[in-house]
């Protein structure tokens, strides 16, 4: 069986973020600056998606979550939405074999019921073909909203409580987390946003509670492996205190601040 990235990250990659999430911003602006259609910007952005998956796999990152299409994106012009859905279908068709070869497991988070049949079919196919893979876990946030995820989790939790499938008196953060779209995926360590913006944009609101946030002016289609490595290096220089003081971290076993 191929060596998993989770295993590599525990041995060779000390100090690396375990879970990187990326808000892939700037496709439209990248295209407009080149007098191209917005959809050509999205097409170029998919090339970057491919490169980042390959690079995270090579670096030993265990989890990568990509903000592919938000709940709010449904409000964009219909031709652009349709074109985006077509690009997603083609991406899965073209990349799934390589993802399987690289032992990557694919996860989709979001409200799938809004997806058109062709996209939904490919989502299910990717999940099923990669479900037993043990390497890098790539989550695609598709028709996703952070608030929607929390509302959906609360709704399922209430339904279980009413049906006596859970004891509401034992509700805590761990129990609530189990109702999120992908509870097996750990909290985000490093949140990257490209395109020079400084908003979270309703992305993984529960999971980024203690994430380190790094932004770059680079538009997503131009975001390179070197850009990614620079932000990882910045992450490794941060002091992650989780509410504690620097002195407390220094006194902890190993004195690690990462």
Protein backbone atom coordinates (compact mmCIF):
# COMPACT_ATOMS: atom_id res chain seq x y z
CA UNK A 1 0.00 0.00 0.00
CA UNK A 2 1.38 3.45 -0.84
CA UNK A 3 2.71 5.46 2.09
CA UNK A 4 0.06 7.93 3.21
CA UNK A 5 0.67 11.64 3.46
CA UNK A 6 -0.74 11.52 6.99
CA UNK A 7 2.09 9.18 7.91
CA UNK A 8 4.71 11.30 6.14
CA UNK A 9 3.49 14.48 7.85
CA UNK A 10 4.17 12.94 11.26
CA UNK A 11 7.74 12.01 10.40
CA UNK A 12 9.30 14.24 7.79
CA UNK A 13 7.22 17.39 8.06
CA UNK A 14 7.58 18.71 11.60
CA UNK A 15 6.25 22.25 11.74
CA UNK A 16 4.10 21.95 8.63
CA UNK A 17 0.44 22.84 8.90
CA UNK A 18 -1.61 19.66 9.04
CA UNK A 19 -4.65 21.23 7.37
CA UNK A 20 -4.39 24.02 4.80
CA UNK A 21 -7.54 25.71 3.51
CA UNK A 22 -7.49 28.09 0.55
CA UNK A 23 -9.91 30.78 -0.59
CA UNK A 24 -9.05 30.74 -4.29
CA UNK A 25 -9.76 34.37 -5.16
CA UNK A 26 -8.94 36.43 -8.22
CA UNK A 27 -9.89 34.34 -11.26
CA UNK A 28 -12.25 36.98 -12.68
CA UNK A 29 -9.93 39.92 -12.05
CA UNK A 30 -7.00 37.98 -13.50
CA UNK A 31 -8.99 37.48 -16.71
CA UNK A 32 -10.27 41.05 -16.90
CA UNK A 33 -6.76 42.45 -16.66
CA UNK A 34 -5.90 40.39 -19.74
CA UNK A 35 -9.09 41.31 -21.63
CA UNK A 36 -10.27 37.73 -21.34
CA UNK A 37 -13.65 36.36 -20.34
CA UNK A 38 -14.17 35.51 -16.68
CA UNK A 39 -14.63 31.85 -17.54
CA UNK A 40 -11.10 31.77 -18.99
CA UNK A 41 -9.92 32.99 -15.61
CA UNK A 42 -11.76 30.12 -13.93
CA UNK A 43 -10.25 27.69 -16.43
CA UNK A 44 -6.77 28.98 -15.62
CA UNK A 45 -7.60 28.66 -11.92
CA UNK A 46 -8.24 24.94 -12.35
CA UNK A 47 -4.66 24.53 -13.55
CA UNK A 48 -3.56 26.02 -10.23
CA UNK A 49 -5.86 23.64 -8.35
CA UNK A 50 -4.10 20.72 -10.04
CA UNK A 51 -0.67 22.11 -9.14
CA UNK A 52 -1.57 22.77 -5.52
CA UNK A 53 -2.93 19.26 -5.03
CA UNK A 54 0.27 17.82 -6.47
CA UNK A 55 2.42 20.15 -4.38
CA UNK A 56 0.59 19.51 -1.11
CA UNK A 57 0.88 15.79 -1.76
CA UNK A 58 4.63 16.16 -2.34
CA UNK A 59 5.11 18.38 0.73
CA UNK A 60 3.32 15.96 3.04
CA UNK A 61 0.32 18.15 3.86
CA UNK A 62 -2.36 15.87 5.30
CA UNK A 63 -5.51 17.88 4.51
CA UNK A 64 -6.27 20.48 1.84
CA UNK A 65 -9.63 22.25 1.58
CA UNK A 66 -10.41 24.38 -1.46
CA UNK A 67 -13.24 26.91 -1.66
CA UNK A 68 -14.56 26.00 -5.10
CA UNK A 69 -18.09 27.45 -5.17
CA UNK A 70 -19.96 29.23 -2.40
CA UNK A 71 -23.65 29.39 -1.61
CA UNK A 72 -23.49 33.06 -2.60
CA UNK A 73 -21.97 32.20 -5.99
CA UNK A 74 -25.37 30.92 -7.11
CA UNK A 75 -26.34 34.60 -7.43
CA UNK A 76 -23.81 35.16 -10.23
CA UNK A 77 -25.04 35.44 -13.85
CA UNK A 78 -26.48 32.14 -15.03
CA UNK A 79 -24.06 31.72 -17.97
CA UNK A 80 -21.09 32.01 -15.59
CA UNK A 81 -22.63 29.54 -13.12
CA UNK A 82 -23.34 27.05 -15.91
CA UNK A 83 -19.81 27.41 -17.24
CA UNK A 84 -18.38 26.84 -13.76
CA UNK A 85 -20.41 23.68 -13.35
CA UNK A 86 -19.16 22.43 -16.72
CA UNK A 87 -15.57 23.13 -15.70
CA UNK A 88 -16.07 21.20 -12.46
CA UNK A 89 -17.42 18.22 -14.39
CA UNK A 90 -14.46 18.27 -16.77
CA UNK A 91 -11.98 18.66 -13.91
CA UNK A 92 -13.23 15.53 -12.18
CA UNK A 93 -13.28 13.60 -15.46
CA UNK A 94 -9.68 14.56 -16.23
CA UNK A 95 -8.10 14.40 -12.78
CA UNK A 96 -9.77 11.50 -11.00
CA UNK A 97 -7.42 8.82 -12.33
CA UNK A 98 -4.36 10.76 -11.17
CA UNK A 99 -5.92 11.42 -7.77
CA UNK A 100 -6.47 7.69 -7.36
CA UNK A 101 -2.91 6.93 -8.45
CA UNK A 102 -1.60 9.38 -5.86
CA UNK A 103 -3.68 7.79 -3.09
CA UNK A 104 -5.67 11.03 -2.61
CA UNK A 105 -9.06 10.85 -0.91
CA UNK A 106 -11.66 13.30 -2.21
CA UNK A 107 -14.30 14.88 0.03
CA UNK A 108 -17.04 17.32 -0.95
CA UNK A 109 -18.67 19.64 1.58
CA UNK A 110 -21.72 21.78 0.91
CA UNK A 111 -25.38 21.54 -0.03
CA UNK A 112 -25.28 18.96 -2.79
CA UNK A 113 -29.01 19.18 -3.48
CA UNK A 114 -28.44 22.41 -5.43
CA UNK A 115 -25.96 20.84 -7.84
CA UNK A 116 -27.05 19.85 -11.32
CA UNK A 117 -27.20 16.10 -12.01
CA UNK A 118 -23.96 15.96 -14.00
CA UNK A 119 -21.95 17.57 -11.20
CA UNK A 120 -23.62 15.48 -8.51
CA UNK A 121 -22.87 12.29 -10.45
CA UNK A 122 -19.19 13.17 -10.59
CA UNK A 123 -19.11 14.17 -6.93
CA UNK A 124 -20.44 10.76 -5.93
CA UNK A 125 -18.08 8.99 -8.33
CA UNK A 126 -15.03 10.78 -6.92
CA UNK A 127 -16.06 10.04 -3.34
CA UNK A 128 -16.65 6.36 -4.01
CA UNK A 129 -13.48 5.77 -6.04
CA UNK A 130 -11.22 7.41 -3.48
CA UNK A 131 -12.97 6.53 -0.19
CA UNK A 132 -10.38 3.90 0.78
CA UNK A 133 -7.34 6.01 -0.11
CA UNK A 134 -5.07 6.89 2.79
CA UNK A 135 -3.04 9.83 1.50
CA UNK A 136 -3.77 13.53 1.16
CA UNK A 137 -7.42 14.37 1.85
CA UNK A 138 -8.69 17.03 -0.55
CA UNK A 139 -12.01 18.63 0.39
CA UNK A 140 -13.83 20.64 -2.24
CA UNK A 141 -16.23 23.20 -0.74
CA UNK A 142 -18.97 23.22 -3.36
CA UNK A 143 -22.30 25.02 -2.93
CA UNK A 144 -20.83 25.73 0.49
CA UNK A 145 -21.42 28.31 3.19
CA UNK A 146 -20.02 28.30 6.71
CA UNK A 147 -23.25 29.54 8.26
CA UNK A 148 -25.25 27.02 6.23
CA UNK A 149 -23.03 24.21 7.52
CA UNK A 150 -23.67 25.23 11.12
CA UNK A 151 -27.42 25.55 10.51
CA UNK A 152 -27.53 22.15 8.80
CA UNK A 153 -25.59 20.61 11.69
CA UNK A 154 -27.98 22.13 14.22
CA UNK A 155 -30.97 20.84 12.26
CA UNK A 156 -29.63 17.27 12.17
CA UNK A 157 -28.73 17.44 15.84
CA UNK A 158 -32.24 18.61 16.79
CA UNK A 159 -33.78 15.83 14.71
CA UNK A 160 -31.63 13.23 16.50
CA UNK A 161 -32.51 14.68 19.89
CA UNK A 162 -36.23 14.53 19.10
CA UNK A 163 -35.85 10.92 17.99
CA UNK A 164 -33.85 10.04 21.14
CA UNK A 165 -30.77 9.24 19.06
CA UNK A 166 -28.67 11.65 21.13
CA UNK A 167 -28.81 13.04 24.65
CA UNK A 168 -28.97 16.83 24.46
CA UNK A 169 -27.67 17.11 28.02
CA UNK A 170 -24.34 15.75 26.75
CA UNK A 171 -24.03 18.30 23.96
CA UNK A 172 -20.57 19.85 23.81
CA UNK A 173 -18.25 21.08 21.05
CA UNK A 174 -17.09 17.57 20.18
CA UNK A 175 -20.66 16.30 19.82
CA UNK A 176 -21.69 19.31 17.73
CA UNK A 177 -18.64 18.87 15.51
CA UNK A 178 -19.76 15.35 14.69
CA UNK A 179 -22.73 16.87 12.82
CA UNK A 180 -20.62 19.02 10.48
CA UNK A 181 -20.26 18.06 6.82
CA UNK A 182 -16.86 16.36 7.26
CA UNK A 183 -16.28 15.89 11.00
CA UNK A 184 -13.29 13.62 10.39
CA UNK A 185 -11.33 16.53 8.89
CA UNK A 186 -9.45 18.43 11.64
CA UNK A 187 -9.56 22.17 12.24
CA UNK A 188 -7.69 24.40 9.84
CA UNK A 189 -4.10 25.31 10.75
CA UNK A 190 -3.34 27.65 7.84
CA UNK A 191 -5.95 29.63 5.93
CA UNK A 192 -4.68 31.17 2.69
CA UNK A 193 -6.53 33.78 0.66
CA UNK A 194 -5.22 34.86 -2.72
CA UNK A 195 -6.16 37.97 -4.69
CA UNK A 196 -5.37 40.62 -2.09
CA UNK A 197 -8.62 40.46 -0.10
CA UNK A 198 -8.87 40.12 3.68
CA UNK A 199 -12.24 38.47 4.23
CA UNK A 200 -13.11 34.96 5.41
CA UNK A 201 -16.17 35.06 3.12
CA UNK A 202 -18.29 32.59 5.07
CA UNK A 203 -15.69 29.83 4.74
CA UNK A 204 -15.27 27.10 7.39
CA UNK A 205 -16.45 29.38 10.19
CA UNK A 206 -16.31 26.61 12.79
CA UNK A 207 -13.02 25.11 11.61
CA UNK A 208 -10.93 28.32 11.35
CA UNK A 209 -11.40 29.31 15.00
CA UNK A 210 -7.64 29.16 15.64
CA UNK A 211 -6.29 29.14 12.10
CA UNK A 212 -3.36 31.30 11.12
CA UNK A 213 -4.46 33.53 8.24
CA UNK A 214 -2.07 34.45 5.44
CA UNK A 215 -3.01 36.57 2.44
CA UNK A 216 -1.26 37.38 -0.81
CA UNK A 217 -1.82 39.87 -3.61
CA UNK A 218 -1.18 37.11 -6.15
CA UNK A 219 -4.30 36.16 -8.10
CA UNK A 220 -5.23 32.49 -7.93
CA UNK A 221 -4.29 31.61 -11.54
CA UNK A 222 -0.78 32.95 -10.87
CA UNK A 223 -0.41 31.34 -7.43
CA UNK A 224 2.63 29.09 -7.59
CA UNK A 225 4.31 26.41 -5.55
CA UNK A 226 6.85 29.02 -4.47
CA UNK A 227 4.05 31.32 -3.28
CA UNK A 228 2.57 28.43 -1.29
CA UNK A 229 5.94 27.61 0.28
CA UNK A 230 6.47 31.26 1.27
CA UNK A 231 3.16 31.29 3.16
CA UNK A 232 3.94 27.96 4.83
CA UNK A 233 7.26 29.44 5.98
CA UNK A 234 5.37 32.45 7.37
CA UNK A 235 3.03 30.06 9.18
CA UNK A 236 5.98 28.22 10.72
CA UNK A 237 7.26 31.51 12.15
CA UNK A 238 3.97 32.30 13.88
CA UNK A 239 3.39 31.75 17.59
CA UNK A 240 0.20 29.75 18.07
CA UNK A 241 -0.90 30.33 21.66
CA UNK A 242 -4.52 29.08 21.74
CA UNK A 243 -5.32 31.55 24.51
CA UNK A 244 -2.14 30.88 26.49
CA UNK A 245 0.83 33.17 27.03
CA UNK A 246 4.24 32.87 25.41
CA UNK A 247 5.72 32.01 28.80
CA UNK A 248 3.32 29.11 29.20
CA UNK A 249 4.30 27.76 25.81
CA UNK A 250 7.98 28.04 26.68
CA UNK A 251 7.39 25.99 29.83
CA UNK A 252 5.47 23.27 28.00
CA UNK A 253 7.26 20.00 27.16
CA UNK A 254 9.50 20.67 24.20
CA UNK A 255 8.81 24.41 24.35
CA UNK A 256 7.11 24.29 20.96
CA UNK A 257 5.23 27.39 19.79
CA UNK A 258 3.90 25.85 16.57
